[in-house]
Amino acid sequence: MSLFDAYDPAPDAVLNPEDATRPIPGFPETVVITFQPSLMEAVAARPEAALLCRIPVFFQMPVYRLPAQGTELAVYQTLMGGAVSAAMLEEIIARGARKVVLFGSCGSLCRELPDGHLIVPTAAYRDEGVSYHYLPAEDYISLPTALRTAEILRELGVPFALGRTWTTDALYRETRRNVARRKAEGCIAVDMECASLAAVCRFRGVAFHQFLYTEDNLDGAFWDPRLMGKLPQDAKEAYFRIALEIARRI
């Protein structure tokens, strides 16, 4: 298949992130990425937050500098899906980021996990297109940072589960057969970005940390929306505080 032949180890492409943007002196080494617009609104309202730059993605997506107990972090909202989130991250790395903490919701492939439970992915099944342009073809990409992420969560006293995630572009093609296959391989979650961003970071020599929280459930005869669209703002802010603490400690 052509996708499996997509990887080229050449460091330079025809169009590189550095062609579209430039490094920012003093750009924070560590970046926290969210999917929640309401969290970015809260960040923008903080007096200590400062606008660093904007990423053009049909509109100008702001990136903020945010102090966190003596550590300078960058924070921005990414868009859903591996392709666009990877392109945005490329520009952030080109500006100076060296460590990434991504957090967001996932579909649960383990019905026993409580709603909103944290998952630290140890590896991601590459059922998307981006990662095959950054790494040689194979089924899974491992996340070696998972052990450190898990260690920090234990220090914080936050319950979580370790396991594989299934990264797929095809939100509406998560068939029962494929759910069963991924579960048999140890996947406990399904998401749309992990494999893509992990591959970008590995190719660029950047540390990638991620945690997910369960929102809907696919481990049953029918799809169960559970928390989909119902997560309260205080819960979003609690996950954000966890992400900031991970970013501060890595």
Protein backbone atom coordinates (compact mmCIF):
# COMPACT_ATOMS: atom_id res chain seq x y z
CA MET A 1 0.00 0.00 0.00
CA SER A 2 1.20 3.51 -0.78
CA LEU A 3 0.70 4.65 2.81
CA PHE A 4 3.22 2.09 4.05
CA ASP A 5 5.78 3.48 1.60
CA ALA A 6 5.24 7.11 2.67
CA TYR A 7 8.11 7.42 5.15
CA ASP A 8 11.22 9.23 3.94
CA PRO A 9 13.96 9.76 6.57
CA ALA A 10 15.20 12.92 4.84
CA PRO A 11 15.17 15.71 7.47
CA ASP A 12 14.15 18.41 4.99
CA ALA A 13 10.89 18.52 3.05
CA VAL A 14 9.84 20.81 0.21
CA LEU A 15 7.87 22.82 2.77
CA ASN A 16 9.26 22.87 6.30
CA PRO A 17 7.79 24.39 9.49
CA GLU A 18 10.70 26.83 9.52
CA ASP A 19 9.53 28.14 6.15
CA ALA A 20 6.17 29.11 7.66
CA THR A 21 7.32 30.42 11.03
CA ARG A 22 10.41 31.42 13.00
CA PRO A 23 11.78 30.66 16.48
CA ILE A 24 10.65 33.02 19.23
CA PRO A 25 13.43 33.99 21.65
CA GLY A 26 12.54 32.82 25.14
CA PHE A 27 9.69 30.58 23.94
CA PRO A 28 8.77 28.22 26.82
CA GLU A 29 10.39 24.81 26.57
CA THR A 30 7.22 23.01 27.71
CA VAL A 31 3.81 23.31 26.07
CA VAL A 32 0.37 22.24 27.31
CA ILE A 33 -2.21 21.50 24.63
CA THR A 34 -5.97 21.39 25.19
CA PHE A 35 -9.00 20.87 22.98
CA GLN A 36 -11.29 23.02 25.15
CA PRO A 37 -12.09 26.60 24.04
CA SER A 38 -13.49 27.39 27.50
CA LEU A 39 -10.12 26.63 29.07
CA MET A 40 -8.38 29.00 26.69
CA GLU A 41 -10.90 31.69 27.54
CA ALA A 42 -10.04 31.18 31.20
CA VAL A 43 -6.31 31.34 30.44
CA ALA A 44 -6.74 34.55 28.42
CA ALA A 45 -8.54 36.11 31.41
CA ARG A 46 -5.66 35.44 33.81
CA PRO A 47 -3.67 38.61 34.49
CA GLU A 48 -0.39 36.68 34.48
CA ALA A 49 -0.99 35.19 31.00
CA ALA A 50 0.70 36.86 28.03
CA LEU A 51 0.04 36.36 24.32
CA LEU A 52 3.08 34.76 22.67
CA CYS A 53 1.92 34.34 19.08
CA ARG A 54 -0.94 33.05 16.94
CA ILE A 55 -1.17 29.96 14.75
CA PRO A 56 -3.09 30.52 11.49
CA VAL A 57 -5.64 27.69 11.07
CA PHE A 58 -8.50 29.30 9.10
CA PHE A 59 -8.43 31.79 11.97
CA GLN A 60 -5.70 32.96 14.33
CA MET A 61 -5.32 30.52 17.25
CA PRO A 62 -3.65 32.26 20.21
CA VAL A 63 -0.72 30.78 22.13
CA TYR A 64 -0.20 32.08 25.67
CA ARG A 65 2.73 32.17 28.05
CA LEU A 66 1.57 31.05 31.50
CA PRO A 67 3.69 31.04 34.67
CA ALA A 68 3.17 27.93 36.81
CA GLN A 69 4.90 27.97 40.20
CA GLY A 70 8.18 29.26 38.84
CA THR A 71 7.98 27.47 35.48
CA GLU A 72 7.17 29.22 32.23
CA LEU A 73 4.73 27.23 30.07
CA ALA A 74 3.07 27.80 26.73
CA VAL A 75 -0.62 26.88 26.34
CA TYR A 76 -2.80 26.64 23.26
CA GLN A 77 -5.92 24.97 21.92
CA THR A 78 -5.51 22.48 19.11
CA LEU A 79 -8.17 21.26 16.70
CA MET A 80 -9.56 17.73 16.48
CA GLY A 81 -7.84 15.21 14.22
CA GLY A 82 -4.31 14.02 13.61
CA ALA A 83 -3.57 16.01 10.47
CA VAL A 84 -4.41 19.51 11.67
CA SER A 85 -3.15 18.97 15.23
CA ALA A 86 0.16 17.67 13.86
CA ALA A 87 0.61 20.69 11.59
CA MET A 88 -0.11 23.05 14.48
CA LEU A 89 2.36 21.22 16.71
CA GLU A 90 5.04 21.41 14.00
CA GLU A 91 4.79 25.21 14.11
CA ILE A 92 4.93 25.22 17.91
CA ILE A 93 8.08 23.06 17.85
CA ALA A 94 9.61 25.37 15.25
CA ARG A 95 8.99 28.27 17.62
CA GLY A 96 11.00 26.57 20.37
CA ALA A 97 8.97 23.89 22.21
CA ARG A 98 10.88 20.81 23.41
CA LYS A 99 8.35 19.08 25.68
CA VAL A 100 4.63 18.56 25.06
CA VAL A 101 1.74 17.64 27.35
CA LEU A 102 -1.51 16.87 25.53
CA PHE A 103 -4.76 16.04 27.30
CA GLY A 104 -8.25 15.42 26.02
CA SER A 105 -11.20 13.06 25.98
CA CYS A 106 -11.36 9.58 24.50
CA GLY A 107 -13.79 6.80 23.83
CA SER A 108 -13.54 3.99 26.34
CA LEU A 109 -12.95 0.42 25.16
CA CYS A 110 -13.26 -0.85 28.72
CA ARG A 111 -16.79 -0.53 30.11
CA GLU A 112 -15.55 -1.07 33.67
CA LEU A 113 -13.69 2.25 33.70
CA PRO A 114 -15.67 5.02 35.41
CA ASP A 115 -16.78 8.04 33.40
CA GLY A 116 -14.07 10.68 33.31
CA HIS A 117 -11.35 8.24 34.40
CA LEU A 118 -7.80 9.09 33.37
CA ILE A 119 -5.90 6.89 30.92
CA VAL A 120 -2.17 7.13 30.24
CA PRO A 121 -1.50 5.62 26.80
CA THR A 122 1.56 3.38 26.63
CA ALA A 123 1.30 2.95 22.85
CA ALA A 124 -1.00 4.03 20.04
CA TYR A 125 -2.33 1.93 17.17
CA ARG A 126 -1.54 3.82 13.97
CA ASP A 127 -4.90 3.78 12.21
CA GLU A 128 -4.34 7.25 10.71
CA GLY A 129 -2.18 8.79 8.02
CA VAL A 130 0.16 11.33 9.60
CA SER A 131 2.47 9.00 11.51
CA TYR A 132 3.46 7.06 8.37
CA HIS A 133 5.14 10.20 7.02
CA TYR A 134 7.27 10.55 10.17
CA LEU A 135 8.20 6.97 11.06
CA PRO A 136 8.62 3.62 9.30
CA ALA A 137 5.43 1.60 9.01
CA GLU A 138 4.44 -0.61 11.94
CA ASP A 139 1.20 -1.15 13.82
CA TYR A 140 1.97 0.71 17.07
CA ILE A 141 4.04 3.63 18.25
CA SER A 142 5.18 3.40 21.86
CA LEU A 143 5.09 6.29 24.33
CA PRO A 144 8.19 5.88 26.51
CA THR A 145 7.15 8.93 28.55
CA ALA A 146 4.10 7.05 29.84
CA LEU A 147 6.00 5.76 32.87
CA ARG A 148 6.99 9.28 33.96
CA THR A 149 3.46 10.57 33.36
CA ALA A 150 2.11 7.72 35.47
CA GLU A 151 4.67 8.41 38.18
CA ILE A 152 3.56 12.04 38.42
CA LEU A 153 -0.10 11.04 38.63
CA ARG A 154 0.74 8.68 41.49
CA GLU A 155 2.56 11.52 43.25
CA LEU A 156 -0.56 13.66 42.82
CA GLY A 157 -2.84 10.88 44.08
CA VAL A 158 -4.84 10.82 40.84
CA PRO A 159 -6.35 7.44 39.83
CA PHE A 160 -5.57 6.32 36.28
CA ALA A 161 -5.26 3.30 34.01
CA LEU A 162 -2.30 2.38 31.82
CA GLY A 163 -2.98 0.86 28.42
CA ARG A 164 -2.86 1.17 24.67
CA THR A 165 -5.01 3.55 22.66
CA TRP A 166 -6.38 3.19 19.13
CA THR A 167 -5.78 6.35 17.08
CA THR A 168 -8.09 6.54 14.08
CA ASP A 169 -9.10 9.18 11.56
CA ALA A 170 -12.42 7.47 10.91
CA LEU A 171 -14.73 8.55 13.74
CA TYR A 172 -17.75 6.90 12.12
CA ARG A 173 -15.98 3.68 11.07
CA GLU A 174 -15.15 2.26 14.48
CA THR A 175 -16.83 -1.04 13.66
CA ARG A 176 -17.57 -3.82 16.12
CA ARG A 177 -15.00 -6.04 14.42
CA ASN A 178 -12.25 -3.46 14.76
CA VAL A 179 -13.21 -2.61 18.33
CA ALA A 180 -12.84 -6.31 19.17
CA ARG A 181 -9.45 -6.47 17.41
CA ARG A 182 -8.05 -3.47 19.22
CA LYS A 183 -9.37 -4.67 22.60
CA ALA A 184 -7.69 -8.04 22.04
CA GLU A 185 -4.39 -6.20 21.54
CA GLY A 186 -4.72 -4.31 24.81
CA CYS A 187 -6.32 -1.05 23.68
CA ILE A 188 -8.52 0.49 26.38
CA ALA A 189 -9.27 3.77 24.58
CA VAL A 190 -9.86 5.21 21.13
CA ASP A 191 -8.72 8.70 20.13
CA MET A 192 -7.89 10.74 17.02
CA GLU A 193 -4.48 12.34 17.67
CA CYS A 194 -2.12 10.33 19.87
CA ALA A 195 -0.24 8.34 17.21
CA SER A 196 0.11 11.37 14.96
CA LEU A 197 1.52 13.74 17.58
CA ALA A 198 3.72 11.08 19.14
CA ALA A 199 5.25 10.46 15.69
CA VAL A 200 5.83 14.16 15.05
CA CYS A 201 7.55 14.52 18.41
CA ARG A 202 9.74 11.46 17.95
CA PHE A 203 10.83 12.67 14.49
CA ARG A 204 11.64 16.14 15.86
CA GLY A 205 13.33 14.89 19.05
CA VAL A 206 10.66 16.35 21.34
CA ALA A 207 9.30 14.65 24.50
CA PHE A 208 5.59 13.81 24.18
CA HIS A 209 3.36 13.18 27.22
CA GLN A 210 -0.37 12.51 27.03
CA PHE A 211 -3.26 11.59 29.24
CA LEU A 212 -6.84 10.99 28.23
CA TYR A 213 -10.09 10.96 30.14
CA THR A 214 -12.99 8.68 29.26
CA GLU A 215 -16.03 10.39 27.81
CA ASP A 216 -18.14 7.99 25.72
CA ASN A 217 -18.10 4.18 25.68
CA LEU A 218 -17.74 1.81 22.71
CA ASP A 219 -17.38 -1.38 24.73
CA GLY A 220 -20.95 -2.66 24.38
CA ALA A 221 -23.63 -3.65 21.92
CA PHE A 222 -24.37 0.02 21.25
CA TRP A 223 -22.51 3.32 21.54
CA ASP A 224 -23.06 4.97 24.92
CA PRO A 225 -22.45 8.77 24.94
CA ARG A 226 -22.07 8.90 28.75
CA LEU A 227 -20.26 12.24 29.38
CA MET A 228 -20.22 13.37 25.75
CA GLY A 229 -21.09 17.07 25.75
CA LYS A 230 -21.89 17.01 29.48
CA LEU A 231 -18.50 17.56 31.12
CA PRO A 232 -18.84 20.48 33.56
CA GLN A 233 -16.38 23.35 33.51
CA ASP A 234 -14.97 22.51 36.93
CA ALA A 235 -14.03 19.04 35.67
CA LYS A 236 -12.31 20.55 32.62
CA GLU A 237 -10.38 22.87 34.91
CA ALA A 238 -9.39 19.96 37.15
CA TYR A 239 -7.90 18.10 34.16
CA PHE A 240 -6.14 21.31 33.13
CA ARG A 241 -4.56 21.65 36.57
CA ILE A 242 -3.29 18.07 36.29
CA ALA A 243 -1.79 18.85 32.88
CA LEU A 244 -0.08 21.96 34.23
CA GLU A 245 1.37 19.98 37.12
CA ILE A 246 2.69 17.29 34.77
CA ALA A 247 4.22 20.00 32.56
CA ARG A 248 5.84 21.63 35.57
CA ARG A 249 7.45 18.36 36.70
CA ILE A 250 8.74 16.85 33.46
